[in-house]
Amino acid sequence: MSTLIISARLARLGDAFLNFVVSAALTLHTERVEGVKVPGKVLASVFAASLLAHKCRCPSRKLERSEVVEALFGHAWLNGWITAEEGVQRLFEELRSGASLEEGLRNLLDSLVRDFERIEVVD
């Protein structure tokens, strides 16, 4: 196991990625066009329930938990660990099986950090 180092600056990219993935998965699930901005409160809840909460070391500046989740997804997409299509499909399958949005996002997040002993967020 190893340490994953991610830049907090990737939160903006991760925010856009997550908004698209969630919007597309909800559109498929509800069969209605959805365009959503995932609230920081939801992402903070996902963080708290995830493996990331136990493995993460944040920078000294105050960093919102939601930003850590966004930065991780930005890093994962940028490095080819997950595509938007994979994210949409996996989240849609979670929703279809009865998971809440938070549970689906947590499972997706956990799959990205499972193999790391520690995650460090740097400025």
PDB file of N, CA and C in Angstrom:
ATOM      1  N   MET A   1       0.848  -1.191   0.000  1.00  0.00           N
ATOM      2  CA  MET A   1       0.000   0.000   0.000  1.00  0.00           C
ATOM      3  C   MET A   1       0.882   1.239   0.000  1.00  0.00           C
ATOM      4  N   SER A   2       0.316   2.319  -0.512  1.00  0.00           N
ATOM      5  CA  SER A   2       1.114   3.523  -0.662  1.00  0.00           C
ATOM      6  C   SER A   2       0.304   4.763  -0.327  1.00  0.00           C
ATOM      7  N   THR A   3       0.987   5.892  -0.467  1.00  0.00           N
ATOM      8  CA  THR A   3       0.355   7.185  -0.217  1.00  0.00           C
ATOM      9  C   THR A   3      -0.007   7.833  -1.542  1.00  0.00           C
ATOM     10  N   LEU A   4      -1.210   8.354  -1.618  1.00  0.00           N
ATOM     11  CA  LEU A   4      -1.666   9.105  -2.780  1.00  0.00           C
ATOM     12  C   LEU A   4      -1.604  10.578  -2.424  1.00  0.00           C
ATOM     13  N   ILE A   5      -0.935  11.359  -3.249  1.00  0.00           N
ATOM     14  CA  ILE A   5      -0.843  12.803  -3.030  1.00  0.00           C
ATOM     15  C   ILE A   5      -1.638  13.487  -4.131  1.00  0.00           C
ATOM     16  N   ILE A   6      -2.610  14.305  -3.717  1.00  0.00           N
ATOM     17  CA  ILE A   6      -3.436  15.019  -4.691  1.00  0.00           C
ATOM     18  C   ILE A   6      -3.422  16.513  -4.392  1.00  0.00           C
ATOM     19  N   SER A   7      -3.592  17.295  -5.422  1.00  0.00           N
ATOM     20  CA  SER A   7      -3.612  18.750  -5.291  1.00  0.00           C
ATOM     21  C   SER A   7      -5.026  19.233  -4.997  1.00  0.00           C
ATOM     22  N   ALA A   8      -5.144  20.110  -4.006  1.00  0.00           N
ATOM     23  CA  ALA A   8      -6.440  20.709  -3.671  1.00  0.00           C
ATOM     24  C   ALA A   8      -6.980  21.513  -4.849  1.00  0.00           C
ATOM     25  N   ARG A   9      -6.097  21.968  -5.717  1.00  0.00           N
ATOM     26  CA  ARG A   9      -6.517  22.763  -6.880  1.00  0.00           C
ATOM     27  C   ARG A   9      -7.383  21.974  -7.857  1.00  0.00           C
ATOM     28  N   LEU A  10      -7.338  20.664  -7.756  1.00  0.00           N
ATOM     29  CA  LEU A  10      -8.138  19.826  -8.649  1.00  0.00           C
ATOM     30  C   LEU A  10      -9.612  19.785  -8.250  1.00  0.00           C
ATOM     31  N   ALA A  11      -9.961  20.449  -7.153  1.00  0.00           N
ATOM     32  CA  ALA A  11     -11.361  20.460  -6.705  1.00  0.00           C
ATOM     33  C   ALA A  11     -12.281  21.063  -7.761  1.00  0.00           C
ATOM     34  N   ARG A  12     -11.823  22.090  -8.455  1.00  0.00           N
ATOM     35  CA  ARG A  12     -12.672  22.707  -9.490  1.00  0.00           C
ATOM     36  C   ARG A  12     -12.982  21.724 -10.613  1.00  0.00           C
ATOM     37  N   LEU A  13     -11.975  20.997 -11.042  1.00  0.00           N
ATOM     38  CA  LEU A  13     -12.172  19.995 -12.087  1.00  0.00           C
ATOM     39  C   LEU A  13     -13.091  18.885 -11.584  1.00  0.00           C
ATOM     40  N   GLY A  14     -12.839  18.429 -10.370  1.00  0.00           N
ATOM     41  CA  GLY A  14     -13.666  17.375  -9.787  1.00  0.00           C
ATOM     42  C   GLY A  14     -15.107  17.803  -9.599  1.00  0.00           C
ATOM     43  N   ASP A  15     -15.321  19.080  -9.284  1.00  0.00           N
ATOM     44  CA  ASP A  15     -16.672  19.617  -9.135  1.00  0.00           C
ATOM     45  C   ASP A  15     -17.432  19.470 -10.452  1.00  0.00           C
ATOM     46  N   ALA A  16     -16.815  19.889 -11.541  1.00  0.00           N
ATOM     47  CA  ALA A  16     -17.453  19.788 -12.857  1.00  0.00           C
ATOM     48  C   ALA A  16     -17.698  18.322 -13.235  1.00  0.00           C
ATOM     49  N   PHE A  17     -16.710  17.480 -12.974  1.00  0.00           N
ATOM     50  CA  PHE A  17     -16.831  16.050 -13.273  1.00  0.00           C
ATOM     51  C   PHE A  17     -18.007  15.441 -12.513  1.00  0.00           C
ATOM     52  N   LEU A  18     -18.071  15.697 -11.205  1.00  0.00           N
ATOM     53  CA  LEU A  18     -19.141  15.127 -10.384  1.00  0.00           C
ATOM     54  C   LEU A  18     -20.517  15.650 -10.784  1.00  0.00           C
ATOM     55  N   ASN A  19     -20.609  16.937 -11.080  1.00  0.00           N
ATOM     56  CA  ASN A  19     -21.901  17.489 -11.495  1.00  0.00           C
ATOM     57  C   ASN A  19     -22.406  16.798 -12.761  1.00  0.00           C
ATOM     58  N   PHE A  20     -21.500  16.559 -13.716  1.00  0.00           N
ATOM     59  CA  PHE A  20     -21.899  15.861 -14.937  1.00  0.00           C
ATOM     60  C   PHE A  20     -22.299  14.417 -14.643  1.00  0.00           C
ATOM     61  N   VAL A  21     -21.452  13.697 -13.916  1.00  0.00           N
ATOM     62  CA  VAL A  21     -21.715  12.281 -13.630  1.00  0.00           C
ATOM     63  C   VAL A  21     -23.047  12.115 -12.900  1.00  0.00           C
ATOM     64  N   VAL A  22     -23.268  12.922 -11.883  1.00  0.00           N
ATOM     65  CA  VAL A  22     -24.514  12.822 -11.117  1.00  0.00           C
ATOM     66  C   VAL A  22     -25.708  13.200 -11.987  1.00  0.00           C
ATOM     67  N   SER A  23     -25.594  14.273 -12.755  1.00  0.00           N
ATOM     68  CA  SER A  23     -26.697  14.696 -13.628  1.00  0.00           C
ATOM     69  C   SER A  23     -27.055  13.607 -14.631  1.00  0.00           C
ATOM     70  N   ALA A  24     -26.056  13.023 -15.259  1.00  0.00           N
ATOM     71  CA  ALA A  24     -26.304  11.983 -16.260  1.00  0.00           C
ATOM     72  C   ALA A  24     -26.885  10.721 -15.622  1.00  0.00           C
ATOM     73  N   ALA A  25     -26.346  10.304 -14.474  1.00  0.00           N
ATOM     74  CA  ALA A  25     -26.860   9.107 -13.795  1.00  0.00           C
ATOM     75  C   ALA A  25     -28.302   9.315 -13.336  1.00  0.00           C
ATOM     76  N   LEU A  26     -28.608  10.498 -12.814  1.00  0.00           N
ATOM     77  CA  LEU A  26     -29.985  10.793 -12.400  1.00  0.00           C
ATOM     78  C   LEU A  26     -30.922  10.844 -13.603  1.00  0.00           C
ATOM     79  N   THR A  27     -30.443  11.363 -14.728  1.00  0.00           N
ATOM     80  CA  THR A  27     -31.250  11.393 -15.948  1.00  0.00           C
ATOM     81  C   THR A  27     -31.604   9.974 -16.381  1.00  0.00           C
ATOM     82  N   LEU A  28     -30.635   9.085 -16.374  1.00  0.00           N
ATOM     83  CA  LEU A  28     -30.896   7.689 -16.733  1.00  0.00           C
ATOM     84  C   LEU A  28     -31.833   7.024 -15.733  1.00  0.00           C
ATOM     85  N   HIS A  29     -31.619   7.308 -14.453  1.00  0.00           N
ATOM     86  CA  HIS A  29     -32.402   6.660 -13.394  1.00  0.00           C
ATOM     87  C   HIS A  29     -33.852   7.131 -13.372  1.00  0.00           C
ATOM     88  N   THR A  30     -34.064   8.423 -13.504  1.00  0.00           N
ATOM     89  CA  THR A  30     -35.423   8.977 -13.409  1.00  0.00           C
ATOM     90  C   THR A  30     -36.132   9.043 -14.758  1.00  0.00           C
ATOM     91  N   GLU A  31     -35.364   8.847 -15.827  1.00  0.00           N
ATOM     92  CA  GLU A  31     -35.870   8.974 -17.193  1.00  0.00           C
ATOM     93  C   GLU A  31     -36.421  10.372 -17.466  1.00  0.00           C
ATOM     94  N   ARG A  32     -35.874  11.350 -16.765  1.00  0.00           N
ATOM     95  CA  ARG A  32     -36.162  12.777 -16.983  1.00  0.00           C
ATOM     96  C   ARG A  32     -34.817  13.487 -17.036  1.00  0.00           C
ATOM     97  N   VAL A  33     -34.715  14.470 -17.872  1.00  0.00           N
ATOM     98  CA  VAL A  33     -33.462  15.214 -17.973  1.00  0.00           C
ATOM     99  C   VAL A  33     -33.205  15.940 -16.659  1.00  0.00           C
ATOM    100  N   GLU A  34     -32.051  15.684 -16.093  1.00  0.00           N
ATOM    101  CA  GLU A  34     -31.654  16.307 -14.830  1.00  0.00           C
ATOM    102  C   GLU A  34     -30.338  17.046 -15.049  1.00  0.00           C
ATOM    103  N   GLY A  35     -30.229  18.205 -14.479  1.00  0.00           N
ATOM    104  CA  GLY A  35     -28.976  18.958 -14.480  1.00  0.00           C
ATOM    105  C   GLY A  35     -28.793  19.495 -13.078  1.00  0.00           C
ATOM    106  N   VAL A  36     -27.876  18.913 -12.342  1.00  0.00           N
ATOM    107  CA  VAL A  36     -27.754  19.280 -10.931  1.00  0.00           C
ATOM    108  C   VAL A  36     -26.356  19.762 -10.585  1.00  0.00           C
ATOM    109  N   LYS A  37     -26.305  20.556  -9.556  1.00  0.00           N
ATOM    110  CA  LYS A  37     -25.057  20.942  -8.898  1.00  0.00           C
ATOM    111  C   LYS A  37     -25.068  20.154  -7.595  1.00  0.00           C
ATOM    112  N   VAL A  38     -24.117  19.265  -7.429  1.00  0.00           N
ATOM    113  CA  VAL A  38     -24.087  18.450  -6.217  1.00  0.00           C
ATOM    114  C   VAL A  38     -23.726  19.355  -5.041  1.00  0.00           C
ATOM    115  N   PRO A  39     -24.604  19.450  -4.045  1.00  0.00           N
ATOM    116  CA  PRO A  39     -24.336  20.338  -2.911  1.00  0.00           C
ATOM    117  C   PRO A  39     -23.117  19.896  -2.098  1.00  0.00           C
ATOM    118  N   GLY A  40     -22.391  20.881  -1.594  1.00  0.00           N
ATOM    119  CA  GLY A  40     -21.244  20.591  -0.740  1.00  0.00           C
ATOM    120  C   GLY A  40     -21.628  19.765   0.469  1.00  0.00           C
ATOM    121  N   LYS A  41     -22.836  19.986   0.964  1.00  0.00           N
ATOM    122  CA  LYS A  41     -23.336  19.240   2.123  1.00  0.00           C
ATOM    123  C   LYS A  41     -23.409  17.738   1.815  1.00  0.00           C
ATOM    124  N   VAL A  42     -23.839  17.406   0.606  1.00  0.00           N
ATOM    125  CA  VAL A  42     -23.917  16.005   0.187  1.00  0.00           C
ATOM    126  C   VAL A  42     -22.515  15.410   0.108  1.00  0.00           C
ATOM    127  N   LEU A  43     -21.588  16.150  -0.495  1.00  0.00           N
ATOM    128  CA  LEU A  43     -20.215  15.646  -0.624  1.00  0.00           C
ATOM    129  C   LEU A  43     -19.527  15.535   0.731  1.00  0.00           C
ATOM    130  N   ALA A  44     -19.836  16.437   1.659  1.00  0.00           N
ATOM    131  CA  ALA A  44     -19.283  16.349   3.017  1.00  0.00           C
ATOM    132  C   ALA A  44     -19.799  15.091   3.706  1.00  0.00           C
ATOM    133  N   SER A  45     -21.053  14.757   3.481  1.00  0.00           N
ATOM    134  CA  SER A  45     -21.637  13.536   4.037  1.00  0.00           C
ATOM    135  C   SER A  45     -20.984  12.297   3.427  1.00  0.00           C
ATOM    136  N   VAL A  46     -20.743  12.343   2.123  1.00  0.00           N
ATOM    137  CA  VAL A  46     -20.061  11.247   1.430  1.00  0.00           C
ATOM    138  C   VAL A  46     -18.662  11.075   2.013  1.00  0.00           C
ATOM    139  N   PHE A  47     -17.943  12.179   2.201  1.00  0.00           N
ATOM    140  CA  PHE A  47     -16.600  12.136   2.788  1.00  0.00           C
ATOM    141  C   PHE A  47     -16.642  11.448   4.147  1.00  0.00           C
ATOM    142  N   ALA A  48     -17.555  11.891   5.018  1.00  0.00           N
ATOM    143  CA  ALA A  48     -17.623  11.389   6.392  1.00  0.00           C
ATOM    144  C   ALA A  48     -17.887   9.889   6.458  1.00  0.00           C
ATOM    145  N   ALA A  49     -18.638   9.363   5.497  1.00  0.00           N
ATOM    146  CA  ALA A  49     -18.998   7.945   5.501  1.00  0.00           C
ATOM    147  C   ALA A  49     -18.020   7.072   4.717  1.00  0.00           C
ATOM    148  N   SER A  50     -17.014   7.681   4.113  1.00  0.00           N
ATOM    149  CA  SER A  50     -16.127   6.945   3.201  1.00  0.00           C
ATOM    150  C   SER A  50     -14.804   6.545   3.841  1.00  0.00           C
ATOM    151  N   LEU A  51     -14.082   5.690   3.127  1.00  0.00           N
ATOM    152  CA  LEU A  51     -12.722   5.326   3.531  1.00  0.00           C
ATOM    153  C   LEU A  51     -11.806   6.544   3.519  1.00  0.00           C
ATOM    154  N   LEU A  52     -12.116   7.503   2.676  1.00  0.00           N
ATOM    155  CA  LEU A  52     -11.304   8.713   2.559  1.00  0.00           C
ATOM    156  C   LEU A  52     -11.185   9.437   3.893  1.00  0.00           C
ATOM    157  N   ALA A  53     -12.252   9.453   4.678  1.00  0.00           N
ATOM    158  CA  ALA A  53     -12.242  10.140   5.972  1.00  0.00           C
ATOM    159  C   ALA A  53     -11.188   9.556   6.909  1.00  0.00           C
ATOM    160  N   HIS A  54     -10.933   8.269   6.782  1.00  0.00           N
ATOM    161  CA  HIS A  54      -9.965   7.600   7.656  1.00  0.00           C
ATOM    162  C   HIS A  54      -8.536   7.664   7.127  1.00  0.00           C
ATOM    163  N   LYS A  55      -8.389   7.947   5.853  1.00  0.00           N
ATOM    164  CA  LYS A  55      -7.070   7.893   5.224  1.00  0.00           C
ATOM    165  C   LYS A  55      -6.489   9.256   4.877  1.00  0.00           C
ATOM    166  N   CYS A  56      -7.291  10.309   5.003  1.00  0.00           N
ATOM    167  CA  CYS A  56      -6.914  11.613   4.458  1.00  0.00           C
ATOM    168  C   CYS A  56      -6.173  12.510   5.448  1.00  0.00           C
ATOM    169  N   ARG A  57      -5.113  13.130   4.943  1.00  0.00           N
ATOM    170  CA  ARG A  57      -4.423  14.221   5.636  1.00  0.00           C
ATOM    171  C   ARG A  57      -4.589  15.455   4.773  1.00  0.00           C
ATOM    172  N   CYS A  58      -5.206  16.485   5.355  1.00  0.00           N
ATOM    173  CA  CYS A  58      -5.489  17.712   4.608  1.00  0.00           C
ATOM    174  C   CYS A  58      -4.414  18.761   4.857  1.00  0.00           C
ATOM    175  N   PRO A  59      -4.307  19.744   3.962  1.00  0.00           N
ATOM    176  CA  PRO A  59      -3.323  20.816   4.150  1.00  0.00           C
ATOM    177  C   PRO A  59      -3.695  21.689   5.341  1.00  0.00           C
ATOM    178  N   SER A  60      -2.766  22.530   5.722  1.00  0.00           N
ATOM    179  CA  SER A  60      -2.975  23.372   6.895  1.00  0.00           C
ATOM    180  C   SER A  60      -4.116  24.363   6.704  1.00  0.00           C
ATOM    181  N   ARG A  61      -4.280  24.875   5.494  1.00  0.00           N
ATOM    182  CA  ARG A  61      -5.390  25.820   5.290  1.00  0.00           C
ATOM    183  C   ARG A  61      -6.710  25.067   5.418  1.00  0.00           C
ATOM    184  N   LYS A  62      -7.712  25.808   5.788  1.00  0.00           N
ATOM    185  CA  LYS A  62      -9.026  25.176   5.955  1.00  0.00           C
ATOM    186  C   LYS A  62      -9.531  24.701   4.593  1.00  0.00           C
ATOM    187  N   LEU A  63      -9.749  23.431   4.484  1.00  0.00           N
ATOM    188  CA  LEU A  63     -10.228  22.829   3.245  1.00  0.00           C
ATOM    189  C   LEU A  63     -11.520  22.092   3.563  1.00  0.00           C
ATOM    190  N   GLU A  64     -12.563  22.437   2.861  1.00  0.00           N
ATOM    191  CA  GLU A  64     -13.855  21.787   3.077  1.00  0.00           C
ATOM    192  C   GLU A  64     -13.763  20.312   2.685  1.00  0.00           C
ATOM    193  N   ARG A  65     -14.466  19.482   3.422  1.00  0.00           N
ATOM    194  CA  ARG A  65     -14.487  18.052   3.095  1.00  0.00           C
ATOM    195  C   ARG A  65     -14.996  17.822   1.675  1.00  0.00           C
ATOM    196  N   SER A  66     -15.965  18.628   1.276  1.00  0.00           N
ATOM    197  CA  SER A  66     -16.499  18.483  -0.083  1.00  0.00           C
ATOM    198  C   SER A  66     -15.416  18.738  -1.127  1.00  0.00           C
ATOM    199  N   GLU A  67     -14.518  19.675  -0.849  1.00  0.00           N
ATOM    200  CA  GLU A  67     -13.429  19.981  -1.785  1.00  0.00           C
ATOM    201  C   GLU A  67     -12.443  18.822  -1.890  1.00  0.00           C
ATOM    202  N   VAL A  68     -12.253  18.094  -0.801  1.00  0.00           N
ATOM    203  CA  VAL A  68     -11.368  16.929  -0.824  1.00  0.00           C
ATOM    204  C   VAL A  68     -11.951  15.865  -1.760  1.00  0.00           C
ATOM    205  N   VAL A  69     -13.256  15.631  -1.640  1.00  0.00           N
ATOM    206  CA  VAL A  69     -13.926  14.663  -2.520  1.00  0.00           C
ATOM    207  C   VAL A  69     -13.797  15.111  -3.978  1.00  0.00           C
ATOM    208  N   GLU A  70     -14.059  16.379  -4.232  1.00  0.00           N
ATOM    209  CA  GLU A  70     -13.962  16.903  -5.600  1.00  0.00           C
ATOM    210  C   GLU A  70     -12.539  16.781  -6.140  1.00  0.00           C
ATOM    211  N   ALA A  71     -11.551  17.117  -5.327  1.00  0.00           N
ATOM    212  CA  ALA A  71     -10.152  17.026  -5.760  1.00  0.00           C
ATOM    213  C   ALA A  71      -9.778  15.587  -6.096  1.00  0.00           C
ATOM    214  N   LEU A  72     -10.262  14.653  -5.302  1.00  0.00           N
ATOM    215  CA  LEU A  72      -9.956  13.253  -5.565  1.00  0.00           C
ATOM    216  C   LEU A  72     -10.563  12.795  -6.892  1.00  0.00           C
ATOM    217  N   PHE A  73     -11.810  13.171  -7.153  1.00  0.00           N
ATOM    218  CA  PHE A  73     -12.425  12.794  -8.429  1.00  0.00           C
ATOM    219  C   PHE A  73     -11.735  13.497  -9.595  1.00  0.00           C
ATOM    220  N   GLY A  74     -11.326  14.740  -9.419  1.00  0.00           N
ATOM    221  CA  GLY A  74     -10.575  15.433 -10.461  1.00  0.00           C
ATOM    222  C   GLY A  74      -9.272  14.720 -10.762  1.00  0.00           C
ATOM    223  N   HIS A  75      -8.568  14.318  -9.713  1.00  0.00           N
ATOM    224  CA  HIS A  75      -7.305  13.587  -9.853  1.00  0.00           C
ATOM    225  C   HIS A  75      -7.542  12.244 -10.556  1.00  0.00           C
ATOM    226  N   ALA A  76      -8.582  11.547 -10.135  1.00  0.00           N
ATOM    227  CA  ALA A  76      -8.873  10.229 -10.710  1.00  0.00           C
ATOM    228  C   ALA A  76      -9.186  10.330 -12.202  1.00  0.00           C
ATOM    229  N   TRP A  77      -9.983  11.320 -12.582  1.00  0.00           N
ATOM    230  CA  TRP A  77     -10.313  11.478 -14.002  1.00  0.00           C
ATOM    231  C   TRP A  77      -9.070  11.873 -14.805  1.00  0.00           C
ATOM    232  N   LEU A  78      -8.321  12.833 -14.294  1.00  0.00           N
ATOM    233  CA  LEU A  78      -7.140  13.335 -14.990  1.00  0.00           C
ATOM    234  C   LEU A  78      -6.108  12.234 -15.221  1.00  0.00           C
ATOM    235  N   ASN A  79      -6.029  11.288 -14.295  1.00  0.00           N
ATOM    236  CA  ASN A  79      -5.049  10.210 -14.392  1.00  0.00           C
ATOM    237  C   ASN A  79      -5.605   8.937 -15.030  1.00  0.00           C
ATOM    238  N   GLY A  80      -6.825   9.015 -15.555  1.00  0.00           N
ATOM    239  CA  GLY A  80      -7.394   7.883 -16.277  1.00  0.00           C
ATOM    240  C   GLY A  80      -7.891   6.740 -15.413  1.00  0.00           C
ATOM    241  N   TRP A  81      -8.114   6.990 -14.124  1.00  0.00           N
ATOM    242  CA  TRP A  81      -8.610   5.930 -13.241  1.00  0.00           C
ATOM    243  C   TRP A  81     -10.095   5.697 -13.430  1.00  0.00           C
ATOM    244  N   ILE A  82     -10.788   6.733 -13.902  1.00  0.00           N
ATOM    245  CA  ILE A  82     -12.226   6.633 -14.139  1.00  0.00           C
ATOM    246  C   ILE A  82     -12.577   7.585 -15.278  1.00  0.00           C
ATOM    247  N   THR A  83     -13.445   7.132 -16.146  1.00  0.00           N
ATOM    248  CA  THR A  83     -13.944   8.012 -17.203  1.00  0.00           C
ATOM    249  C   THR A  83     -15.315   8.524 -16.773  1.00  0.00           C
ATOM    250  N   ALA A  84     -15.774   9.549 -17.446  1.00  0.00           N
ATOM    251  CA  ALA A  84     -17.116  10.058 -17.154  1.00  0.00           C
ATOM    252  C   ALA A  84     -18.145   8.966 -17.430  1.00  0.00           C
ATOM    253  N   GLU A  85     -17.966   8.243 -18.521  1.00  0.00           N
ATOM    254  CA  GLU A  85     -18.906   7.174 -18.863  1.00  0.00           C
ATOM    255  C   GLU A  85     -18.948   6.099 -17.779  1.00  0.00           C
ATOM    256  N   GLU A  86     -17.778   5.699 -17.282  1.00  0.00           N
ATOM    257  CA  GLU A  86     -17.733   4.704 -16.203  1.00  0.00           C
ATOM    258  C   GLU A  86     -18.413   5.231 -14.944  1.00  0.00           C
ATOM    259  N   GLY A  87     -18.143   6.478 -14.614  1.00  0.00           N
ATOM    260  CA  GLY A  87     -18.749   7.081 -13.430  1.00  0.00           C
ATOM    261  C   GLY A  87     -20.261   7.111 -13.528  1.00  0.00           C
ATOM    262  N   VAL A  88     -20.768   7.521 -14.689  1.00  0.00           N
ATOM    263  CA  VAL A  88     -22.215   7.569 -14.909  1.00  0.00           C
ATOM    264  C   VAL A  88     -22.804   6.168 -14.780  1.00  0.00           C
ATOM    265  N   GLN A  89     -22.206   5.212 -15.460  1.00  0.00           N
ATOM    266  CA  GLN A  89     -22.734   3.843 -15.456  1.00  0.00           C
ATOM    267  C   GLN A  89     -22.717   3.238 -14.057  1.00  0.00           C
ATOM    268  N   ARG A  90     -21.622   3.405 -13.339  1.00  0.00           N
ATOM    269  CA  ARG A  90     -21.523   2.820 -11.999  1.00  0.00           C
ATOM    270  C   ARG A  90     -22.498   3.475 -11.034  1.00  0.00           C
ATOM    271  N   LEU A  91     -22.633   4.802 -11.106  1.00  0.00           N
ATOM    272  CA  LEU A  91     -23.574   5.487 -10.222  1.00  0.00           C
ATOM    273  C   LEU A  91     -25.011   5.116 -10.589  1.00  0.00           C
ATOM    274  N   PHE A  92     -25.315   5.039 -11.869  1.00  0.00           N
ATOM    275  CA  PHE A  92     -26.646   4.627 -12.314  1.00  0.00           C
ATOM    276  C   PHE A  92     -26.984   3.234 -11.777  1.00  0.00           C
ATOM    277  N   GLU A  93     -26.043   2.311 -11.855  1.00  0.00           N
ATOM    278  CA  GLU A  93     -26.274   0.954 -11.341  1.00  0.00           C
ATOM    279  C   GLU A  93     -26.529   0.967  -9.841  1.00  0.00           C
ATOM    280  N   GLU A  94     -25.798   1.809  -9.114  1.00  0.00           N
ATOM    281  CA  GLU A  94     -26.025   1.944  -7.663  1.00  0.00           C
ATOM    282  C   GLU A  94     -27.443   2.444  -7.397  1.00  0.00           C
ATOM    283  N   LEU A  95     -27.849   3.496  -8.110  1.00  0.00           N
ATOM    284  CA  LEU A  95     -29.184   4.069  -7.922  1.00  0.00           C
ATOM    285  C   LEU A  95     -30.269   3.058  -8.293  1.00  0.00           C
ATOM    286  N   ARG A  96     -30.051   2.346  -9.385  1.00  0.00           N
ATOM    287  CA  ARG A  96     -31.025   1.349  -9.841  1.00  0.00           C
ATOM    288  C   ARG A  96     -31.185   0.216  -8.830  1.00  0.00           C
ATOM    289  N   SER A  97     -30.113  -0.091  -8.102  1.00  0.00           N
ATOM    290  CA  SER A  97     -30.188  -1.174  -7.112  1.00  0.00           C
ATOM    291  C   SER A  97     -30.753  -0.697  -5.770  1.00  0.00           C
ATOM    292  N   GLY A  98     -31.128   0.586  -5.695  1.00  0.00           N
ATOM    293  CA  GLY A  98     -31.774   1.085  -4.480  1.00  0.00           C
ATOM    294  C   GLY A  98     -30.916   1.950  -3.582  1.00  0.00           C
ATOM    295  N   ALA A  99     -29.678   2.177  -3.958  1.00  0.00           N
ATOM    296  CA  ALA A  99     -28.799   3.024  -3.147  1.00  0.00           C
ATOM    297  C   ALA A  99     -29.230   4.486  -3.265  1.00  0.00           C
ATOM    298  N   SER A 100     -28.987   5.234  -2.214  1.00  0.00           N
ATOM    299  CA  SER A 100     -29.206   6.681  -2.282  1.00  0.00           C
ATOM    300  C   SER A 100     -28.056   7.300  -3.070  1.00  0.00           C
ATOM    301  N   LEU A 101     -28.210   8.554  -3.444  1.00  0.00           N
ATOM    302  CA  LEU A 101     -27.135   9.250  -4.151  1.00  0.00           C
ATOM    303  C   LEU A 101     -25.864   9.248  -3.313  1.00  0.00           C
ATOM    304  N   GLU A 102     -25.996   9.540  -2.011  1.00  0.00           N
ATOM    305  CA  GLU A 102     -24.832   9.567  -1.125  1.00  0.00           C
ATOM    306  C   GLU A 102     -24.153   8.203  -1.052  1.00  0.00           C
ATOM    307  N   GLU A 103     -24.950   7.135  -0.935  1.00  0.00           N
ATOM    308  CA  GLU A 103     -24.380   5.786  -0.873  1.00  0.00           C
ATOM    309  C   GLU A 103     -23.665   5.435  -2.175  1.00  0.00           C
ATOM    310  N   GLY A 104     -24.275   5.782  -3.284  1.00  0.00           N
ATOM    311  CA  GLY A 104     -23.655   5.501  -4.576  1.00  0.00           C
ATOM    312  C   GLY A 104     -22.343   6.231  -4.757  1.00  0.00           C
ATOM    313  N   LEU A 105     -22.324   7.517  -4.387  1.00  0.00           N
ATOM    314  CA  LEU A 105     -21.084   8.295  -4.488  1.00  0.00           C
ATOM    315  C   LEU A 105     -20.024   7.767  -3.529  1.00  0.00           C
ATOM    316  N   ARG A 106     -20.445   7.372  -2.328  1.00  0.00           N
ATOM    317  CA  ARG A 106     -19.486   6.819  -1.368  1.00  0.00           C
ATOM    318  C   ARG A 106     -18.857   5.542  -1.907  1.00  0.00           C
ATOM    319  N   ASN A 107     -19.662   4.668  -2.482  1.00  0.00           N
ATOM    320  CA  ASN A 107     -19.128   3.423  -3.037  1.00  0.00           C
ATOM    321  C   ASN A 107     -18.160   3.697  -4.183  1.00  0.00           C
ATOM    322  N   LEU A 108     -18.490   4.666  -4.997  1.00  0.00           N
ATOM    323  CA  LEU A 108     -17.609   5.055  -6.098  1.00  0.00           C
ATOM    324  C   LEU A 108     -16.295   5.618  -5.556  1.00  0.00           C
ATOM    325  N   LEU A 109     -16.395   6.488  -4.565  1.00  0.00           N
ATOM    326  CA  LEU A 109     -15.220   7.083  -3.932  1.00  0.00           C
ATOM    327  C   LEU A 109     -14.355   6.014  -3.275  1.00  0.00           C
ATOM    328  N   ASP A 110     -14.988   5.119  -2.521  1.00  0.00           N
ATOM    329  CA  ASP A 110     -14.235   4.057  -1.846  1.00  0.00           C
ATOM    330  C   ASP A 110     -13.470   3.189  -2.838  1.00  0.00           C
ATOM    331  N   SER A 111     -14.057   2.943  -3.998  1.00  0.00           N
ATOM    332  CA  SER A 111     -13.372   2.118  -4.999  1.00  0.00           C
ATOM    333  C   SER A 111     -12.101   2.794  -5.508  1.00  0.00           C
ATOM    334  N   LEU A 112     -12.061   4.120  -5.450  1.00  0.00           N
ATOM    335  CA  LEU A 112     -10.882   4.857  -5.919  1.00  0.00           C
ATOM    336  C   LEU A 112      -9.768   4.916  -4.878  1.00  0.00           C
ATOM    337  N   VAL A 113     -10.127   4.874  -3.598  1.00  0.00           N
ATOM    338  CA  VAL A 113      -9.106   5.042  -2.547  1.00  0.00           C
ATOM    339  C   VAL A 113      -8.765   3.752  -1.815  1.00  0.00           C
ATOM    340  N   ARG A 114      -9.485   2.693  -2.094  1.00  0.00           N
ATOM    341  CA  ARG A 114      -9.341   1.430  -1.362  1.00  0.00           C
ATOM    342  C   ARG A 114      -7.896   0.942  -1.270  1.00  0.00           C
ATOM    343  N   ASP A 115      -7.144   1.052  -2.335  1.00  0.00           N
ATOM    344  CA  ASP A 115      -5.799   0.476  -2.372  1.00  0.00           C
ATOM    345  C   ASP A 115      -4.711   1.372  -1.793  1.00  0.00           C
ATOM    346  N   PHE A 116      -5.092   2.539  -1.297  1.00  0.00           N
ATOM    347  CA  PHE A 116      -4.103   3.447  -0.719  1.00  0.00           C
ATOM    348  C   PHE A 116      -4.179   3.417   0.802  1.00  0.00           C
ATOM    349  N   GLU A 117      -3.005   3.438   1.412  1.00  0.00           N
ATOM    350  CA  GLU A 117      -2.937   3.462   2.871  1.00  0.00           C
ATOM    351  C   GLU A 117      -3.274   4.851   3.396  1.00  0.00           C
ATOM    352  N   ARG A 118      -2.825   5.859   2.652  1.00  0.00           N
ATOM    353  CA  ARG A 118      -3.010   7.240   3.091  1.00  0.00           C
ATOM    354  C   ARG A 118      -3.210   8.130   1.874  1.00  0.00           C
ATOM    355  N   ILE A 119      -4.041   9.163   2.057  1.00  0.00           N
ATOM    356  CA  ILE A 119      -4.251  10.168   1.015  1.00  0.00           C
ATOM    357  C   ILE A 119      -3.862  11.504   1.604  1.00  0.00           C
ATOM    358  N   GLU A 120      -2.999  12.203   0.900  1.00  0.00           N
ATOM    359  CA  GLU A 120      -2.534  13.507   1.360  1.00  0.00           C
ATOM    360  C   GLU A 120      -2.956  14.566   0.349  1.00  0.00           C
ATOM    361  N   VAL A 121      -3.605  15.608   0.843  1.00  0.00           N
ATOM    362  CA  VAL A 121      -4.042  16.707  -0.015  1.00  0.00           C
ATOM    363  C   VAL A 121      -3.090  17.872   0.205  1.00  0.00           C
ATOM    364  N   VAL A 122      -2.507  18.356  -0.880  1.00  0.00           N
ATOM    365  CA  VAL A 122      -1.556  19.465  -0.797  1.00  0.00           C
ATOM    366  C   VAL A 122      -2.124  20.675  -1.524  1.00  0.00           C
ATOM    367  N   ASP A 123      -1.654  21.849  -1.126  1.00  0.00           N
ATOM    368  CA  ASP A 123      -2.108  23.101  -1.762  1.00  0.00           C
ATOM    369  C   ASP A 123      -1.628  23.229  -3.183  1.00  0.00           C
TER     370      ASP A 123
END
